[in-house]
Amino acid sequence: MSHAVASAPAVDARSLARQSRADLDRLFAALPPPASGELAGTMRGTVVDAIGLGRLPPGLRAGLLAALRGPIGVWRGKRFAGAQGTNVWGAGSFERLFAAFRVEVGPAVDGSGSCVRLDYDVPENPLPVRAILGELRSLGPGLFLGRMHYRAGSARSCVLYFTLEA
């Protein structure tokens, strides 16, 4: 099922936002990691699921996700430069880079194989940001599904899913 979804041209943030967390977990586990060199430059980001939203009525959940994607959503995406990257934040014409990460290939937190990991445990980040570990896999040419884990003690919890588009 997930391979058919991954190759379908209709896969976008809105269609992914209609899926349950369990469906997103299964899809992510079935996808391949991005090929070397695919993650370069600035990529537009869209939040498709965040922790706790699955408990909300579908209309409210859809409204909150639409707001995150709209003018009040300040996360614009990620900028990649080889083995390093950073998040792009902004509103209107204002843009700020914040929350740097290392880009590396490694095992997925759930044990589903290899992925590109975005490790925020770098000296320039404030301590709370260092607990973040992102993971990326390829949905198709120029489109990636990502998830963000947060470390609390020795455990990691997936707090959101997002897409990146070249």
C-alpha atoms as a PDB file:
ATOM      1  CA  MET A   1       0.000   0.000   0.000  1.00  0.00           C
ATOM      2  CA  SER A   2       2.652   2.528   0.961  1.00  0.00           C
ATOM      3  CA  HIS A   3       4.651   1.995  -2.234  1.00  0.00           C
ATOM      4  CA  ALA A   4       1.538   2.829  -4.291  1.00  0.00           C
ATOM      5  CA  VAL A   5       1.008   5.980  -2.236  1.00  0.00           C
ATOM      6  CA  ALA A   6       4.680   6.931  -2.524  1.00  0.00           C
ATOM      7  CA  SER A   7       4.646   6.714  -6.321  1.00  0.00           C
ATOM      8  CA  ALA A   8       1.246   8.382  -6.824  1.00  0.00           C
ATOM      9  CA  PRO A   9       1.527  11.956  -8.154  1.00  0.00           C
ATOM     10  CA  ALA A  10      -1.240  13.126  -5.779  1.00  0.00           C
ATOM     11  CA  VAL A  11       0.953  12.747  -2.657  1.00  0.00           C
ATOM     12  CA  ASP A  12       1.265  16.150  -1.028  1.00  0.00           C
ATOM     13  CA  ALA A  13       1.069  17.674   2.437  1.00  0.00           C
ATOM     14  CA  ARG A  14      -2.730  17.917   2.390  1.00  0.00           C
ATOM     15  CA  SER A  15      -3.232  14.260   1.407  1.00  0.00           C
ATOM     16  CA  LEU A  16      -0.693  13.135   4.011  1.00  0.00           C
ATOM     17  CA  ALA A  17      -2.380  15.309   6.672  1.00  0.00           C
ATOM     18  CA  ARG A  18      -5.555  13.239   6.238  1.00  0.00           C
ATOM     19  CA  GLN A  19      -3.720  10.053   7.234  1.00  0.00           C
ATOM     20  CA  SER A  20      -3.582   8.727  10.777  1.00  0.00           C
ATOM     21  CA  ARG A  21      -0.340   8.672  12.760  1.00  0.00           C
ATOM     22  CA  ALA A  22      -0.261   4.872  12.363  1.00  0.00           C
ATOM     23  CA  ASP A  23      -0.606   5.250   8.565  1.00  0.00           C
ATOM     24  CA  LEU A  24       2.213   7.825   8.514  1.00  0.00           C
ATOM     25  CA  ASP A  25       4.384   5.487  10.606  1.00  0.00           C
ATOM     26  CA  ARG A  26       3.773   2.620   8.135  1.00  0.00           C
ATOM     27  CA  LEU A  27       4.401   4.852   5.131  1.00  0.00           C
ATOM     28  CA  PHE A  28       7.635   6.216   6.579  1.00  0.00           C
ATOM     29  CA  ALA A  29       8.878   2.700   7.396  1.00  0.00           C
ATOM     30  CA  ALA A  30       8.325   1.599   3.781  1.00  0.00           C
ATOM     31  CA  LEU A  31      10.068   4.525   2.057  1.00  0.00           C
ATOM     32  CA  PRO A  32      13.703   4.576   0.881  1.00  0.00           C
ATOM     33  CA  PRO A  33      16.230   7.096   2.173  1.00  0.00           C
ATOM     34  CA  PRO A  34      16.999  10.056  -0.099  1.00  0.00           C
ATOM     35  CA  ALA A  35      19.798   9.486  -2.584  1.00  0.00           C
ATOM     36  CA  SER A  36      23.104  11.216  -1.999  1.00  0.00           C
ATOM     37  CA  GLY A  37      22.947  14.848  -3.115  1.00  0.00           C
ATOM     38  CA  GLU A  38      19.126  15.085  -3.219  1.00  0.00           C
ATOM     39  CA  LEU A  39      19.035  17.287  -0.127  1.00  0.00           C
ATOM     40  CA  ALA A  40      20.554  20.577  -1.230  1.00  0.00           C
ATOM     41  CA  GLY A  41      19.641  24.223  -0.907  1.00  0.00           C
ATOM     42  CA  THR A  42      16.428  25.548   0.601  1.00  0.00           C
ATOM     43  CA  MET A  43      13.438  23.221   0.731  1.00  0.00           C
ATOM     44  CA  ARG A  44       9.896  24.280   1.564  1.00  0.00           C
ATOM     45  CA  GLY A  45       8.530  22.582   4.660  1.00  0.00           C
ATOM     46  CA  THR A  46       4.968  21.723   5.617  1.00  0.00           C
ATOM     47  CA  VAL A  47       3.782  20.206   8.907  1.00  0.00           C
ATOM     48  CA  VAL A  48       1.412  17.291   8.227  1.00  0.00           C
ATOM     49  CA  ASP A  49       0.885  15.919  11.744  1.00  0.00           C
ATOM     50  CA  ALA A  50       1.816  16.917  15.288  1.00  0.00           C
ATOM     51  CA  ILE A  51       1.527  15.050  18.576  1.00  0.00           C
ATOM     52  CA  GLY A  52      -1.934  15.256  20.068  1.00  0.00           C
ATOM     53  CA  LEU A  53      -3.716  16.330  16.885  1.00  0.00           C
ATOM     54  CA  GLY A  54      -5.044  12.807  16.284  1.00  0.00           C
ATOM     55  CA  ARG A  55      -7.305  13.204  19.329  1.00  0.00           C
ATOM     56  CA  LEU A  56      -9.029  16.253  17.863  1.00  0.00           C
ATOM     57  CA  PRO A  57     -12.173  16.187  15.728  1.00  0.00           C
ATOM     58  CA  PRO A  58     -11.180  15.957  12.032  1.00  0.00           C
ATOM     59  CA  GLY A  59     -12.404  19.487  11.213  1.00  0.00           C
ATOM     60  CA  LEU A  60     -10.450  21.093  14.051  1.00  0.00           C
ATOM     61  CA  ARG A  61      -7.348  19.021  13.230  1.00  0.00           C
ATOM     62  CA  ALA A  62      -7.554  20.094   9.558  1.00  0.00           C
ATOM     63  CA  GLY A  63      -8.013  23.737  10.598  1.00  0.00           C
ATOM     64  CA  LEU A  64      -4.963  23.717  12.870  1.00  0.00           C
ATOM     65  CA  LEU A  65      -2.793  22.085  10.215  1.00  0.00           C
ATOM     66  CA  ALA A  66      -4.016  24.605   7.619  1.00  0.00           C
ATOM     67  CA  ALA A  67      -3.115  27.442  10.012  1.00  0.00           C
ATOM     68  CA  LEU A  68       0.398  26.020  10.438  1.00  0.00           C
ATOM     69  CA  ARG A  69       0.743  25.998   6.643  1.00  0.00           C
ATOM     70  CA  GLY A  70      -0.761  29.468   6.220  1.00  0.00           C
ATOM     71  CA  PRO A  71       0.376  32.992   7.065  1.00  0.00           C
ATOM     72  CA  ILE A  72       0.658  32.353  10.840  1.00  0.00           C
ATOM     73  CA  GLY A  73       2.920  29.344  10.293  1.00  0.00           C
ATOM     74  CA  VAL A  74       6.445  30.693  10.774  1.00  0.00           C
ATOM     75  CA  TRP A  75       8.431  27.522   9.940  1.00  0.00           C
ATOM     76  CA  ARG A  76       9.236  27.734   6.242  1.00  0.00           C
ATOM     77  CA  GLY A  77      11.474  24.696   5.805  1.00  0.00           C
ATOM     78  CA  LYS A  78      15.098  23.648   5.903  1.00  0.00           C
ATOM     79  CA  ARG A  79      18.298  24.714   4.169  1.00  0.00           C
ATOM     80  CA  PHE A  80      20.881  22.032   3.365  1.00  0.00           C
ATOM     81  CA  ALA A  81      24.590  22.537   2.668  1.00  0.00           C
ATOM     82  CA  GLY A  82      26.375  19.189   2.496  1.00  0.00           C
ATOM     83  CA  ALA A  83      26.687  17.619   5.943  1.00  0.00           C
ATOM     84  CA  GLN A  84      25.033  20.605   7.649  1.00  0.00           C
ATOM     85  CA  GLY A  85      21.687  22.316   7.634  1.00  0.00           C
ATOM     86  CA  THR A  86      19.429  24.727   9.449  1.00  0.00           C
ATOM     87  CA  ASN A  87      15.737  25.540   9.756  1.00  0.00           C
ATOM     88  CA  VAL A  88      14.314  28.541   7.938  1.00  0.00           C
ATOM     89  CA  TRP A  89      11.827  30.629   9.914  1.00  0.00           C
ATOM     90  CA  GLY A  90      10.028  33.778   8.911  1.00  0.00           C
ATOM     91  CA  ALA A  91       6.926  35.831   8.360  1.00  0.00           C
ATOM     92  CA  GLY A  92       6.286  38.095   5.404  1.00  0.00           C
ATOM     93  CA  SER A  93       9.644  39.213   4.015  1.00  0.00           C
ATOM     94  CA  PHE A  94      11.479  38.514   7.292  1.00  0.00           C
ATOM     95  CA  GLU A  95      13.603  35.338   7.298  1.00  0.00           C
ATOM     96  CA  ARG A  96      15.764  33.878  10.050  1.00  0.00           C
ATOM     97  CA  LEU A  97      17.918  30.745  10.210  1.00  0.00           C
ATOM     98  CA  PHE A  98      17.660  28.911  13.529  1.00  0.00           C
ATOM     99  CA  ALA A  99      18.234  25.390  14.873  1.00  0.00           C
ATOM    100  CA  ALA A 100      21.233  23.939  13.042  1.00  0.00           C
ATOM    101  CA  PHE A 101      21.670  20.209  12.445  1.00  0.00           C
ATOM    102  CA  ARG A 102      24.158  17.657  11.128  1.00  0.00           C
ATOM    103  CA  VAL A 103      23.042  15.659   8.091  1.00  0.00           C
ATOM    104  CA  GLU A 104      24.049  11.991   8.199  1.00  0.00           C
ATOM    105  CA  VAL A 105      22.859   8.592   7.056  1.00  0.00           C
ATOM    106  CA  GLY A 106      21.938   6.299   9.940  1.00  0.00           C
ATOM    107  CA  PRO A 107      19.378   3.871  11.297  1.00  0.00           C
ATOM    108  CA  ALA A 108      15.799   5.052  11.866  1.00  0.00           C
ATOM    109  CA  VAL A 109      14.681   5.288  15.487  1.00  0.00           C
ATOM    110  CA  ASP A 110      11.974   2.660  14.869  1.00  0.00           C
ATOM    111  CA  GLY A 111      14.467   0.150  13.429  1.00  0.00           C
ATOM    112  CA  SER A 112      12.902   0.255   9.944  1.00  0.00           C
ATOM    113  CA  GLY A 113      16.228   0.653   8.162  1.00  0.00           C
ATOM    114  CA  SER A 114      18.381   3.490   6.933  1.00  0.00           C
ATOM    115  CA  CYS A 115      17.277   7.123   6.664  1.00  0.00           C
ATOM    116  CA  VAL A 116      18.868  10.537   6.521  1.00  0.00           C
ATOM    117  CA  ARG A 117      19.147  11.796  10.072  1.00  0.00           C
ATOM    118  CA  LEU A 118      19.061  15.458  11.064  1.00  0.00           C
ATOM    119  CA  ASP A 119      20.891  15.585  14.390  1.00  0.00           C
ATOM    120  CA  TYR A 120      20.335  18.834  16.302  1.00  0.00           C
ATOM    121  CA  ASP A 121      22.870  17.947  19.016  1.00  0.00           C
ATOM    122  CA  VAL A 122      25.363  20.594  17.875  1.00  0.00           C
ATOM    123  CA  PRO A 123      27.125  23.222  20.041  1.00  0.00           C
ATOM    124  CA  GLU A 124      25.444  26.287  18.468  1.00  0.00           C
ATOM    125  CA  ASN A 125      21.937  25.154  19.486  1.00  0.00           C
ATOM    126  CA  PRO A 126      20.360  25.909  22.882  1.00  0.00           C
ATOM    127  CA  LEU A 127      20.127  22.827  25.116  1.00  0.00           C
ATOM    128  CA  PRO A 128      16.387  22.112  24.530  1.00  0.00           C
ATOM    129  CA  VAL A 129      16.938  22.097  20.742  1.00  0.00           C
ATOM    130  CA  ARG A 130      19.812  19.605  21.052  1.00  0.00           C
ATOM    131  CA  ALA A 131      17.314  16.901  22.066  1.00  0.00           C
ATOM    132  CA  ILE A 132      15.770  16.892  18.558  1.00  0.00           C
ATOM    133  CA  LEU A 133      16.506  14.200  15.987  1.00  0.00           C
ATOM    134  CA  GLY A 134      14.877  14.454  12.568  1.00  0.00           C
ATOM    135  CA  GLU A 135      14.597  11.663  10.015  1.00  0.00           C
ATOM    136  CA  LEU A 136      13.950  11.892   6.271  1.00  0.00           C
ATOM    137  CA  ARG A 137      12.912   9.441   3.580  1.00  0.00           C
ATOM    138  CA  SER A 138      12.020   9.974  -0.074  1.00  0.00           C
ATOM    139  CA  LEU A 139       8.402  10.163  -1.292  1.00  0.00           C
ATOM    140  CA  GLY A 140       9.494  10.820  -4.870  1.00  0.00           C
ATOM    141  CA  PRO A 141      11.625  13.216  -6.899  1.00  0.00           C
ATOM    142  CA  GLY A 142      12.113  16.401  -4.882  1.00  0.00           C
ATOM    143  CA  LEU A 143       9.588  15.377  -2.186  1.00  0.00           C
ATOM    144  CA  PHE A 144      10.503  13.984   1.232  1.00  0.00           C
ATOM    145  CA  LEU A 145       8.641  12.783   4.295  1.00  0.00           C
ATOM    146  CA  GLY A 146      10.240  13.682   7.591  1.00  0.00           C
ATOM    147  CA  ARG A 147       9.548  13.206  11.231  1.00  0.00           C
ATOM    148  CA  MET A 148      10.916  14.838  14.319  1.00  0.00           C
ATOM    149  CA  HIS A 149      11.726  12.987  17.526  1.00  0.00           C
ATOM    150  CA  TYR A 150      12.353  14.592  20.889  1.00  0.00           C
ATOM    151  CA  ARG A 151      14.559  12.935  23.513  1.00  0.00           C
ATOM    152  CA  ALA A 152      13.341  12.848  27.094  1.00  0.00           C
ATOM    153  CA  GLY A 153      15.785  10.894  29.229  1.00  0.00           C
ATOM    154  CA  SER A 154      16.751   7.780  27.257  1.00  0.00           C
ATOM    155  CA  ALA A 155      13.446   7.640  25.310  1.00  0.00           C
ATOM    156  CA  ARG A 156      12.606   9.323  22.001  1.00  0.00           C
ATOM    157  CA  SER A 157       9.067  10.342  21.046  1.00  0.00           C
ATOM    158  CA  CYS A 158       7.906  11.264  17.551  1.00  0.00           C
ATOM    159  CA  VAL A 159       6.345  14.708  17.934  1.00  0.00           C
ATOM    160  CA  LEU A 160       5.579  15.596  14.316  1.00  0.00           C
ATOM    161  CA  TYR A 161       5.633  14.633  10.656  1.00  0.00           C
ATOM    162  CA  PHE A 162       6.457  17.074   7.876  1.00  0.00           C
ATOM    163  CA  THR A 163       7.205  17.210   4.188  1.00  0.00           C
ATOM    164  CA  LEU A 164      10.077  18.936   2.426  1.00  0.00           C
ATOM    165  CA  GLU A 165       9.809  19.940  -1.201  1.00  0.00           C
ATOM    166  CA  ALA A 166      12.593  21.154  -3.473  1.00  0.00           C
END
